[in-house]
PDB file of N, CA and C in Angstrom:
ATOM      1  N   MET A   1      25.009  80.841 -30.581  1.00  0.00           N
ATOM      2  CA  MET A   1      26.109  79.984 -30.942  1.00  0.00           C
ATOM      3  C   MET A   1      25.526  78.505 -30.691  1.00  0.00           C
ATOM      4  N   ALA A   2      26.108  77.653 -31.347  1.00  0.00           N
ATOM      5  CA  ALA A   2      25.621  76.208 -31.379  1.00  0.00           C
ATOM      6  C   ALA A   2      25.985  75.578 -29.875  1.00  0.00           C
ATOM      7  N   THR A   3      25.118  74.654 -29.599  1.00  0.00           N
ATOM      8  CA  THR A   3      25.487  73.951 -28.249  1.00  0.00           C
ATOM      9  C   THR A   3      26.504  72.988 -28.525  1.00  0.00           C
ATOM     10  N   PRO A   4      27.444  72.615 -27.500  1.00  0.00           N
ATOM     11  CA  PRO A   4      28.414  71.574 -27.748  1.00  0.00           C
ATOM     12  C   PRO A   4      27.800  70.213 -28.124  1.00  0.00           C
ATOM     13  N   GLN A   5      28.524  69.528 -28.975  1.00  0.00           N
ATOM     14  CA  GLN A   5      27.976  68.186 -29.488  1.00  0.00           C
ATOM     15  C   GLN A   5      28.177  67.251 -28.293  1.00  0.00           C
ATOM     16  N   THR A   6      27.056  66.456 -28.137  1.00  0.00           N
ATOM     17  CA  THR A   6      27.052  65.531 -27.015  1.00  0.00           C
ATOM     18  C   THR A   6      26.956  63.997 -27.541  1.00  0.00           C
ATOM     19  N   ASP A   7      26.642  63.749 -28.837  1.00  0.00           N
ATOM     20  CA  ASP A   7      26.243  62.474 -29.239  1.00  0.00           C
ATOM     21  C   ASP A   7      26.714  62.435 -30.558  1.00  0.00           C
ATOM     22  N   GLY A   8      26.718  61.175 -31.154  1.00  0.00           N
ATOM     23  CA  GLY A   8      27.265  61.157 -32.686  1.00  0.00           C
ATOM     24  C   GLY A   8      28.729  61.107 -32.706  1.00  0.00           C
ATOM     25  N   PRO A   9      29.264  60.840 -33.970  1.00  0.00           N
ATOM     26  CA  PRO A   9      30.698  60.547 -33.915  1.00  0.00           C
ATOM     27  C   PRO A   9      31.431  61.911 -33.640  1.00  0.00           C
ATOM     28  N   PHE A  10      32.697  61.613 -33.048  1.00  0.00           N
ATOM     29  CA  PHE A  10      33.655  62.700 -32.801  1.00  0.00           C
ATOM     30  C   PHE A  10      34.024  63.192 -33.930  1.00  0.00           C
ATOM     31  N   PRO A  11      34.202  64.625 -34.208  1.00  0.00           N
ATOM     32  CA  PRO A  11      34.554  65.120 -35.499  1.00  0.00           C
ATOM     33  C   PRO A  11      36.086  64.793 -35.652  1.00  0.00           C
ATOM     34  N   ASP A  12      36.468  64.438 -36.985  1.00  0.00           N
ATOM     35  CA  ASP A  12      37.831  64.290 -37.400  1.00  0.00           C
ATOM     36  C   ASP A  12      38.449  65.558 -37.811  1.00  0.00           C
ATOM     37  N   ALA A  13      39.613  65.590 -38.146  1.00  0.00           N
ATOM     38  CA  ALA A  13      40.406  66.774 -38.521  1.00  0.00           C
ATOM     39  C   ALA A  13      39.678  67.331 -39.661  1.00  0.00           C
ATOM     40  N   GLU A  14      39.124  66.689 -40.704  1.00  0.00           N
ATOM     41  CA  GLU A  14      38.572  67.144 -41.933  1.00  0.00           C
ATOM     42  C   GLU A  14      37.320  67.905 -41.574  1.00  0.00           C
ATOM     43  N   GLY A  15      36.567  67.104 -40.660  1.00  0.00           N
ATOM     44  CA  GLY A  15      35.373  67.779 -40.337  1.00  0.00           C
ATOM     45  C   GLY A  15      35.412  69.163 -39.416  1.00  0.00           C
ATOM     46  N   LEU A  16      36.554  69.168 -38.694  1.00  0.00           N
ATOM     47  CA  LEU A  16      36.917  70.436 -37.923  1.00  0.00           C
ATOM     48  C   LEU A  16      37.512  71.426 -38.850  1.00  0.00           C
ATOM     49  N   LEU A  17      38.184  71.036 -39.945  1.00  0.00           N
ATOM     50  CA  LEU A  17      38.571  71.972 -40.980  1.00  0.00           C
ATOM     51  C   LEU A  17      37.318  72.712 -41.605  1.00  0.00           C
ATOM     52  N   ASP A  18      36.297  71.942 -41.908  1.00  0.00           N
ATOM     53  CA  ASP A  18      35.040  72.395 -42.429  1.00  0.00           C
ATOM     54  C   ASP A  18      34.455  73.514 -41.484  1.00  0.00           C
ATOM     55  N   VAL A  19      34.562  73.128 -40.211  1.00  0.00           N
ATOM     56  CA  VAL A  19      33.932  74.114 -39.160  1.00  0.00           C
ATOM     57  C   VAL A  19      34.679  75.414 -39.119  1.00  0.00           C
ATOM     58  N   LEU A  20      36.009  75.285 -39.273  1.00  0.00           N
ATOM     59  CA  LEU A  20      36.802  76.550 -39.301  1.00  0.00           C
ATOM     60  C   LEU A  20      36.486  77.368 -40.568  1.00  0.00           C
ATOM     61  N   ARG A  21      35.977  76.841 -41.569  1.00  0.00           N
ATOM     62  CA  ARG A  21      35.628  77.703 -42.667  1.00  0.00           C
ATOM     63  C   ARG A  21      34.600  78.950 -42.326  1.00  0.00           C
ATOM     64  N   ALA A  22      34.047  78.631 -41.210  1.00  0.00           N
ATOM     65  CA  ALA A  22      33.095  79.730 -40.699  1.00  0.00           C
ATOM     66  C   ALA A  22      33.761  80.869 -40.028  1.00  0.00           C
ATOM     67  N   VAL A  23      35.232  80.705 -39.810  1.00  0.00           N
ATOM     68  CA  VAL A  23      35.774  81.772 -39.213  1.00  0.00           C
ATOM     69  C   VAL A  23      36.361  82.611 -40.318  1.00  0.00           C
ATOM     70  N   ILE A  24      36.055  83.933 -40.216  1.00  0.00           N
ATOM     71  CA  ILE A  24      36.437  84.890 -41.289  1.00  0.00           C
ATOM     72  C   ILE A  24      37.491  85.824 -40.879  1.00  0.00           C
ATOM     73  N   ASP A  25      38.543  86.028 -41.610  1.00  0.00           N
ATOM     74  CA  ASP A  25      39.545  87.092 -41.297  1.00  0.00           C
ATOM     75  C   ASP A  25      38.862  88.459 -41.589  1.00  0.00           C
ATOM     76  N   PRO A  26      38.399  89.233 -40.575  1.00  0.00           N
ATOM     77  CA  PRO A  26      37.728  90.337 -40.912  1.00  0.00           C
ATOM     78  C   PRO A  26      38.392  91.496 -41.792  1.00  0.00           C
ATOM     79  N   GLU A  27      39.699  91.472 -41.920  1.00  0.00           N
ATOM     80  CA  GLU A  27      40.464  92.376 -42.692  1.00  0.00           C
ATOM     81  C   GLU A  27      40.369  92.188 -44.087  1.00  0.00           C
ATOM     82  N   VAL A  28      40.099  90.856 -44.469  1.00  0.00           N
ATOM     83  CA  VAL A  28      40.045  90.435 -45.919  1.00  0.00           C
ATOM     84  C   VAL A  28      38.652  89.900 -46.191  1.00  0.00           C
ATOM     85  N   GLY A  29      37.902  89.630 -45.307  1.00  0.00           N
ATOM     86  CA  GLY A  29      36.583  88.946 -45.758  1.00  0.00           C
ATOM     87  C   GLY A  29      36.613  87.638 -46.338  1.00  0.00           C
ATOM     88  N   MET A  30      37.554  86.830 -45.903  1.00  0.00           N
ATOM     89  CA  MET A  30      37.624  85.391 -46.374  1.00  0.00           C
ATOM     90  C   MET A  30      37.883  84.505 -45.324  1.00  0.00           C
ATOM     91  N   ASN A  31      37.339  83.202 -45.397  1.00  0.00           N
ATOM     92  CA  ASN A  31      37.636  82.445 -44.317  1.00  0.00           C
ATOM     93  C   ASN A  31      39.124  81.941 -44.156  1.00  0.00           C
ATOM     94  N   ILE A  32      39.533  81.562 -42.859  1.00  0.00           N
ATOM     95  CA  ILE A  32      40.948  81.311 -42.580  1.00  0.00           C
ATOM     96  C   ILE A  32      41.291  79.996 -43.161  1.00  0.00           C
ATOM     97  N   VAL A  33      40.441  79.036 -43.638  1.00  0.00           N
ATOM     98  CA  VAL A  33      40.974  77.891 -44.324  1.00  0.00           C
ATOM     99  C   VAL A  33      41.208  78.077 -45.707  1.00  0.00           C
ATOM    100  N   ASP A  34      40.498  78.846 -46.417  1.00  0.00           N
ATOM    101  CA  ASP A  34      40.642  79.052 -47.792  1.00  0.00           C
ATOM    102  C   ASP A  34      41.943  80.139 -47.917  1.00  0.00           C
ATOM    103  N   LEU A  35      42.084  80.946 -46.871  1.00  0.00           N
ATOM    104  CA  LEU A  35      43.279  81.892 -47.016  1.00  0.00           C
ATOM    105  C   LEU A  35      44.550  81.087 -46.802  1.00  0.00           C
ATOM    106  N   GLY A  36      44.404  79.866 -46.346  1.00  0.00           N
ATOM    107  CA  GLY A  36      45.597  79.034 -46.121  1.00  0.00           C
ATOM    108  C   GLY A  36      46.303  79.376 -44.766  1.00  0.00           C
ATOM    109  N   LEU A  37      45.617  79.760 -43.746  1.00  0.00           N
ATOM    110  CA  LEU A  37      45.995  80.014 -42.504  1.00  0.00           C
ATOM    111  C   LEU A  37      46.079  78.950 -41.538  1.00  0.00           C
ATOM    112  N   VAL A  38      45.371  77.857 -41.781  1.00  0.00           N
ATOM    113  CA  VAL A  38      45.382  76.715 -40.942  1.00  0.00           C
ATOM    114  C   VAL A  38      46.380  75.684 -41.504  1.00  0.00           C
ATOM    115  N   TYR A  39      47.438  75.399 -40.775  1.00  0.00           N
ATOM    116  CA  TYR A  39      48.529  74.566 -41.136  1.00  0.00           C
ATOM    117  C   TYR A  39      48.249  73.140 -40.866  1.00  0.00           C
ATOM    118  N   ASP A  40      47.536  72.939 -39.636  1.00  0.00           N
ATOM    119  CA  ASP A  40      47.421  71.492 -39.178  1.00  0.00           C
ATOM    120  C   ASP A  40      46.296  71.385 -38.106  1.00  0.00           C
ATOM    121  N   ILE A  41      45.606  70.232 -38.076  1.00  0.00           N
ATOM    122  CA  ILE A  41      44.672  69.978 -37.110  1.00  0.00           C
ATOM    123  C   ILE A  41      44.888  68.580 -36.563  1.00  0.00           C
ATOM    124  N   ALA A  42      45.238  68.309 -35.295  1.00  0.00           N
ATOM    125  CA  ALA A  42      45.315  67.146 -34.542  1.00  0.00           C
ATOM    126  C   ALA A  42      44.184  66.888 -33.713  1.00  0.00           C
ATOM    127  N   VAL A  43      43.706  65.646 -33.744  1.00  0.00           N
ATOM    128  CA  VAL A  43      42.528  65.386 -32.992  1.00  0.00           C
ATOM    129  C   VAL A  43      42.997  64.035 -32.146  1.00  0.00           C
ATOM    130  N   ASP A  44      42.688  63.942 -30.905  1.00  0.00           N
ATOM    131  CA  ASP A  44      42.674  62.709 -30.078  1.00  0.00           C
ATOM    132  C   ASP A  44      41.661  62.800 -29.154  1.00  0.00           C
ATOM    133  N   ALA A  45      41.367  61.879 -28.247  1.00  0.00           N
ATOM    134  CA  ALA A  45      40.180  61.647 -27.442  1.00  0.00           C
ATOM    135  C   ALA A  45      40.075  62.853 -26.278  1.00  0.00           C
ATOM    136  N   HIS A  46      41.239  63.442 -26.229  1.00  0.00           N
ATOM    137  CA  HIS A  46      41.148  64.446 -25.108  1.00  0.00           C
ATOM    138  C   HIS A  46      41.486  65.967 -25.554  1.00  0.00           C
ATOM    139  N   ALA A  47      41.924  66.158 -26.798  1.00  0.00           N
ATOM    140  CA  ALA A  47      42.248  67.481 -27.131  1.00  0.00           C
ATOM    141  C   ALA A  47      42.228  67.565 -28.670  1.00  0.00           C
ATOM    142  N   VAL A  48      42.025  68.756 -29.085  1.00  0.00           N
ATOM    143  CA  VAL A  48      42.180  69.300 -30.522  1.00  0.00           C
ATOM    144  C   VAL A  48      43.323  70.247 -30.463  1.00  0.00           C
ATOM    145  N   ARG A  49      44.253  70.051 -31.417  1.00  0.00           N
ATOM    146  CA  ARG A  49      45.218  71.052 -31.675  1.00  0.00           C
ATOM    147  C   ARG A  49      45.382  71.657 -32.994  1.00  0.00           C
ATOM    148  N   VAL A  50      45.218  73.100 -32.975  1.00  0.00           N
ATOM    149  CA  VAL A  50      45.152  73.724 -34.325  1.00  0.00           C
ATOM    150  C   VAL A  50      46.589  74.529 -34.447  1.00  0.00           C
ATOM    151  N   VAL A  51      47.245  74.211 -35.490  1.00  0.00           N
ATOM    152  CA  VAL A  51      48.507  75.071 -35.802  1.00  0.00           C
ATOM    153  C   VAL A  51      48.085  75.975 -36.985  1.00  0.00           C
ATOM    154  N   MET A  52      48.292  77.184 -36.661  1.00  0.00           N
ATOM    155  CA  MET A  52      47.865  78.120 -37.793  1.00  0.00           C
ATOM    156  C   MET A  52      48.763  79.370 -37.732  1.00  0.00           C
ATOM    157  N   THR A  53      48.613  80.175 -38.664  1.00  0.00           N
ATOM    158  CA  THR A  53      49.373  81.453 -38.711  1.00  0.00           C
ATOM    159  C   THR A  53      48.371  82.576 -39.066  1.00  0.00           C
ATOM    160  N   MET A  54      48.982  83.856 -39.335  1.00  0.00           N
ATOM    161  CA  MET A  54      48.188  85.006 -39.708  1.00  0.00           C
ATOM    162  C   MET A  54      48.910  85.442 -40.930  1.00  0.00           C
ATOM    163  N   THR A  55      48.333  86.337 -41.643  1.00  0.00           N
ATOM    164  CA  THR A  55      48.910  86.851 -42.984  1.00  0.00           C
ATOM    165  C   THR A  55      50.324  87.662 -42.672  1.00  0.00           C
ATOM    166  N   THR A  56      50.159  88.079 -41.449  1.00  0.00           N
ATOM    167  CA  THR A  56      51.573  88.913 -41.103  1.00  0.00           C
ATOM    168  C   THR A  56      51.735  88.751 -39.563  1.00  0.00           C
ATOM    169  N   PRO A  57      52.768  88.640 -38.877  1.00  0.00           N
ATOM    170  CA  PRO A  57      53.032  88.668 -37.530  1.00  0.00           C
ATOM    171  C   PRO A  57      52.362  89.918 -36.823  1.00  0.00           C
ATOM    172  N   ALA A  58      52.257  90.982 -37.516  1.00  0.00           N
ATOM    173  CA  ALA A  58      51.773  92.199 -36.940  1.00  0.00           C
ATOM    174  C   ALA A  58      50.200  92.230 -37.213  1.00  0.00           C
ATOM    175  N   CYS A  59      49.388  91.197 -37.519  1.00  0.00           N
ATOM    176  CA  CYS A  59      47.991  91.228 -37.920  1.00  0.00           C
ATOM    177  C   CYS A  59      47.349  91.665 -36.468  1.00  0.00           C
ATOM    178  N   PRO A  60      46.570  92.813 -36.589  1.00  0.00           N
ATOM    179  CA  PRO A  60      45.858  93.313 -35.443  1.00  0.00           C
ATOM    180  C   PRO A  60      44.649  92.492 -35.168  1.00  0.00           C
ATOM    181  N   MET A  61      44.191  91.505 -35.946  1.00  0.00           N
ATOM    182  CA  MET A  61      43.100  90.687 -35.703  1.00  0.00           C
ATOM    183  C   MET A  61      43.575  89.397 -35.098  1.00  0.00           C
ATOM    184  N   GLY A  62      44.779  89.085 -35.009  1.00  0.00           N
ATOM    185  CA  GLY A  62      45.164  87.834 -34.511  1.00  0.00           C
ATOM    186  C   GLY A  62      44.421  87.329 -33.303  1.00  0.00           C
ATOM    187  N   GLU A  63      44.360  88.002 -32.205  1.00  0.00           N
ATOM    188  CA  GLU A  63      43.754  87.455 -31.000  1.00  0.00           C
ATOM    189  C   GLU A  63      42.296  87.226 -31.195  1.00  0.00           C
ATOM    190  N   LEU A  64      41.654  88.118 -32.112  1.00  0.00           N
ATOM    191  CA  LEU A  64      40.102  87.914 -32.330  1.00  0.00           C
ATOM    192  C   LEU A  64      39.985  86.647 -33.241  1.00  0.00           C
ATOM    193  N   ILE A  65      40.851  86.455 -34.167  1.00  0.00           N
ATOM    194  CA  ILE A  65      40.746  85.173 -34.967  1.00  0.00           C
ATOM    195  C   ILE A  65      40.947  84.005 -34.117  1.00  0.00           C
ATOM    196  N   VAL A  66      41.849  83.934 -33.184  1.00  0.00           N
ATOM    197  CA  VAL A  66      42.145  82.820 -32.438  1.00  0.00           C
ATOM    198  C   VAL A  66      41.049  82.568 -31.470  1.00  0.00           C
ATOM    199  N   ASP A  67      40.503  83.554 -30.862  1.00  0.00           N
ATOM    200  CA  ASP A  67      39.226  83.532 -30.017  1.00  0.00           C
ATOM    201  C   ASP A  67      37.999  82.823 -30.890  1.00  0.00           C
ATOM    202  N   GLU A  68      37.919  83.269 -32.056  1.00  0.00           N
ATOM    203  CA  GLU A  68      36.874  82.799 -32.891  1.00  0.00           C
ATOM    204  C   GLU A  68      37.064  81.169 -33.378  1.00  0.00           C
ATOM    205  N   VAL A  69      38.218  80.870 -33.650  1.00  0.00           N
ATOM    206  CA  VAL A  69      38.657  79.522 -33.847  1.00  0.00           C
ATOM    207  C   VAL A  69      38.163  78.565 -32.580  1.00  0.00           C
ATOM    208  N   GLU A  70      38.546  79.043 -31.447  1.00  0.00           N
ATOM    209  CA  GLU A  70      38.253  78.326 -30.156  1.00  0.00           C
ATOM    210  C   GLU A  70      36.717  78.298 -30.067  1.00  0.00           C
ATOM    211  N   ALA A  71      36.065  79.342 -30.224  1.00  0.00           N
ATOM    212  CA  ALA A  71      34.569  79.425 -30.141  1.00  0.00           C
ATOM    213  C   ALA A  71      33.880  78.414 -31.119  1.00  0.00           C
ATOM    214  N   ALA A  72      34.436  78.473 -32.301  1.00  0.00           N
ATOM    215  CA  ALA A  72      33.847  77.624 -33.411  1.00  0.00           C
ATOM    216  C   ALA A  72      34.088  76.174 -33.010  1.00  0.00           C
ATOM    217  N   LEU A  73      35.308  75.723 -32.541  1.00  0.00           N
ATOM    218  CA  LEU A  73      35.560  74.443 -32.253  1.00  0.00           C
ATOM    219  C   LEU A  73      34.720  73.918 -30.869  1.00  0.00           C
ATOM    220  N   SER A  74      34.607  74.782 -29.857  1.00  0.00           N
ATOM    221  CA  SER A  74      33.959  74.501 -28.714  1.00  0.00           C
ATOM    222  C   SER A  74      32.436  74.336 -29.047  1.00  0.00           C
ATOM    223  N   ALA A  75      31.933  74.863 -29.995  1.00  0.00           N
ATOM    224  CA  ALA A  75      30.490  74.656 -30.349  1.00  0.00           C
ATOM    225  C   ALA A  75      30.164  73.298 -31.090  1.00  0.00           C
ATOM    226  N   VAL A  76      31.189  72.603 -31.412  1.00  0.00           N
ATOM    227  CA  VAL A  76      31.015  71.171 -32.056  1.00  0.00           C
ATOM    228  C   VAL A  76      31.542  70.131 -31.301  1.00  0.00           C
ATOM    229  N   LEU A  77      32.473  70.249 -30.378  1.00  0.00           N
ATOM    230  CA  LEU A  77      33.226  69.434 -29.690  1.00  0.00           C
ATOM    231  C   LEU A  77      32.404  68.990 -28.366  1.00  0.00           C
ATOM    232  N   PRO A  78      32.612  67.762 -27.880  1.00  0.00           N
ATOM    233  CA  PRO A  78      32.105  67.501 -26.531  1.00  0.00           C
ATOM    234  C   PRO A  78      32.614  68.210 -25.635  1.00  0.00           C
ATOM    235  N   ALA A  79      31.856  68.580 -24.484  1.00  0.00           N
ATOM    236  CA  ALA A  79      32.342  69.239 -23.324  1.00  0.00           C
ATOM    237  C   ALA A  79      33.550  68.566 -22.784  1.00  0.00           C
ATOM    238  N   GLY A  80      34.508  69.288 -22.270  1.00  0.00           N
ATOM    239  CA  GLY A  80      35.705  68.771 -21.676  1.00  0.00           C
ATOM    240  C   GLY A  80      36.925  68.503 -22.686  1.00  0.00           C
ATOM    241  N   ILE A  81      36.798  68.545 -23.788  1.00  0.00           N
ATOM    242  CA  ILE A  81      37.851  68.446 -24.878  1.00  0.00           C
ATOM    243  C   ILE A  81      38.701  69.734 -24.866  1.00  0.00           C
ATOM    244  N   ARG A  82      39.899  69.579 -24.638  1.00  0.00           N
ATOM    245  CA  ARG A  82      40.837  70.757 -24.613  1.00  0.00           C
ATOM    246  C   ARG A  82      41.051  71.164 -25.969  1.00  0.00           C
ATOM    247  N   ILE A  83      41.094  72.642 -26.181  1.00  0.00           N
ATOM    248  CA  ILE A  83      41.443  73.143 -27.579  1.00  0.00           C
ATOM    249  C   ILE A  83      42.552  73.866 -27.254  1.00  0.00           C
ATOM    250  N   ASP A  84      43.693  73.516 -28.120  1.00  0.00           N
ATOM    251  CA  ASP A  84      44.834  74.317 -28.057  1.00  0.00           C
ATOM    252  C   ASP A  84      45.171  74.943 -29.548  1.00  0.00           C
ATOM    253  N   VAL A  85      45.273  76.092 -29.513  1.00  0.00           N
ATOM    254  CA  VAL A  85      45.606  76.925 -30.882  1.00  0.00           C
ATOM    255  C   VAL A  85      46.915  77.535 -30.682  1.00  0.00           C
ATOM    256  N   GLU A  86      47.884  76.971 -31.623  1.00  0.00           N
ATOM    257  CA  GLU A  86      49.161  77.434 -31.576  1.00  0.00           C
ATOM    258  C   GLU A  86      49.477  78.236 -32.825  1.00  0.00           C
ATOM    259  N   LEU A  87      49.983  79.504 -32.594  1.00  0.00           N
ATOM    260  CA  LEU A  87      50.260  80.314 -33.717  1.00  0.00           C
ATOM    261  C   LEU A  87      51.835  80.144 -34.145  1.00  0.00           C
ATOM    262  N   THR A  88      52.104  79.969 -35.368  1.00  0.00           N
ATOM    263  CA  THR A  88      53.412  79.932 -35.947  1.00  0.00           C
ATOM    264  C   THR A  88      53.710  80.784 -36.906  1.00  0.00           C
ATOM    265  N   TRP A  89      54.855  81.206 -37.179  1.00  0.00           N
ATOM    266  CA  TRP A  89      55.330  81.980 -38.195  1.00  0.00           C
ATOM    267  C   TRP A  89      56.342  81.226 -39.223  1.00  0.00           C
ATOM    268  N   SER A  90      56.385  79.873 -39.034  1.00  0.00           N
ATOM    269  CA  SER A  90      57.165  79.231 -40.019  1.00  0.00           C
ATOM    270  C   SER A  90      56.266  78.039 -40.394  1.00  0.00           C
ATOM    271  N   PRO A  91      56.199  77.921 -41.652  1.00  0.00           N
ATOM    272  CA  PRO A  91      56.645  78.835 -42.778  1.00  0.00           C
ATOM    273  C   PRO A  91      55.719  80.147 -42.680  1.00  0.00           C
ATOM    274  N   PRO A  92      56.308  81.287 -43.080  1.00  0.00           N
ATOM    275  CA  PRO A  92      55.474  82.410 -43.149  1.00  0.00           C
ATOM    276  C   PRO A  92      54.492  82.305 -44.139  1.00  0.00           C
ATOM    277  N   TRP A  93      53.246  82.842 -43.923  1.00  0.00           N
ATOM    278  CA  TRP A  93      52.127  82.938 -45.016  1.00  0.00           C
ATOM    279  C   TRP A  93      52.520  83.580 -46.095  1.00  0.00           C
ATOM    280  N   ASP A  94      52.084  83.163 -47.292  1.00  0.00           N
ATOM    281  CA  ASP A  94      52.236  83.973 -48.569  1.00  0.00           C
ATOM    282  C   ASP A  94      50.979  83.473 -49.394  1.00  0.00           C
ATOM    283  N   PRO A  95      50.644  84.342 -50.432  1.00  0.00           N
ATOM    284  CA  PRO A  95      49.349  84.337 -51.154  1.00  0.00           C
ATOM    285  C   PRO A  95      49.257  82.765 -51.937  1.00  0.00           C
ATOM    286  N   SER A  96      50.459  82.242 -52.075  1.00  0.00           N
ATOM    287  CA  SER A  96      50.431  80.932 -52.739  1.00  0.00           C
ATOM    288  C   SER A  96      49.742  79.842 -51.849  1.00  0.00           C
ATOM    289  N   MET A  97      49.487  80.030 -50.712  1.00  0.00           N
ATOM    290  CA  MET A  97      48.887  79.123 -49.692  1.00  0.00           C
ATOM    291  C   MET A  97      47.366  79.099 -49.819  1.00  0.00           C
ATOM    292  N   MET A  98      46.758  80.228 -50.463  1.00  0.00           N
ATOM    293  CA  MET A  98      45.330  80.350 -50.773  1.00  0.00           C
ATOM    294  C   MET A  98      44.754  79.231 -51.648  1.00  0.00           C
ATOM    295  N   SER A  99      43.569  78.871 -51.299  1.00  0.00           N
ATOM    296  CA  SER A  99      42.871  77.910 -52.131  1.00  0.00           C
ATOM    297  C   SER A  99      42.441  78.595 -53.464  1.00  0.00           C
ATOM    298  N   ASP A 100      42.082  77.818 -54.477  1.00  0.00           N
ATOM    299  CA  ASP A 100      41.677  78.407 -55.794  1.00  0.00           C
ATOM    300  C   ASP A 100      40.436  79.470 -55.503  1.00  0.00           C
ATOM    301  N   GLU A 101      39.508  79.033 -54.636  1.00  0.00           N
ATOM    302  CA  GLU A 101      38.340  79.753 -54.252  1.00  0.00           C
ATOM    303  C   GLU A 101      38.832  81.171 -53.901  1.00  0.00           C
ATOM    304  N   ALA A 102      39.733  81.302 -52.902  1.00  0.00           N
ATOM    305  CA  ALA A 102      40.346  82.585 -52.343  1.00  0.00           C
ATOM    306  C   ALA A 102      40.968  83.290 -53.518  1.00  0.00           C
ATOM    307  N   ARG A 103      41.766  82.587 -54.262  1.00  0.00           N
ATOM    308  CA  ARG A 103      42.364  83.317 -55.430  1.00  0.00           C
ATOM    309  C   ARG A 103      41.382  84.010 -56.418  1.00  0.00           C
ATOM    310  N   ARG A 104      40.311  83.333 -56.656  1.00  0.00           N
ATOM    311  CA  ARG A 104      39.317  83.907 -57.515  1.00  0.00           C
ATOM    312  C   ARG A 104      38.500  85.061 -56.805  1.00  0.00           C
ATOM    313  N   TYR A 105      38.345  84.878 -55.587  1.00  0.00           N
ATOM    314  CA  TYR A 105      37.700  85.958 -54.724  1.00  0.00           C
ATOM    315  C   TYR A 105      38.545  87.438 -54.781  1.00  0.00           C
ATOM    316  N   PHE A 106      39.957  87.248 -54.707  1.00  0.00           N
ATOM    317  CA  PHE A 106      40.787  88.387 -54.738  1.00  0.00           C
ATOM    318  C   PHE A 106      41.156  88.867 -56.128  1.00  0.00           C
ATOM    319  N   ALA A 107      40.781  88.029 -57.186  1.00  0.00           N
ATOM    320  CA  ALA A 107      41.126  88.405 -58.408  1.00  0.00           C
ATOM    321  C   ALA A 107      40.516  89.640 -58.971  1.00  0.00           C
TER     322      ALA A 107
END
């Protein structure tokens, strides 16, 4: 795993979205960003807040995916930055939320 970032610019929401492309939903083999599971990323000097969902509330991989989101962010954020991952079911996920790349992957 990468070491926490200690110098250089603090990652913005777009940069952190790119980091989360490394987190793969193991049930479908696609990253959570292109699947449309990440709804929002808010960044301030003390915390990063990710609002996301799963493809279904009964997703058996939910806890694992949240742990991987936290680990991926921890690897690039300065030490001491709080990471909050909030799962939401509103709006519920549906396939229209996928990127064009994900749609091609599943076609």
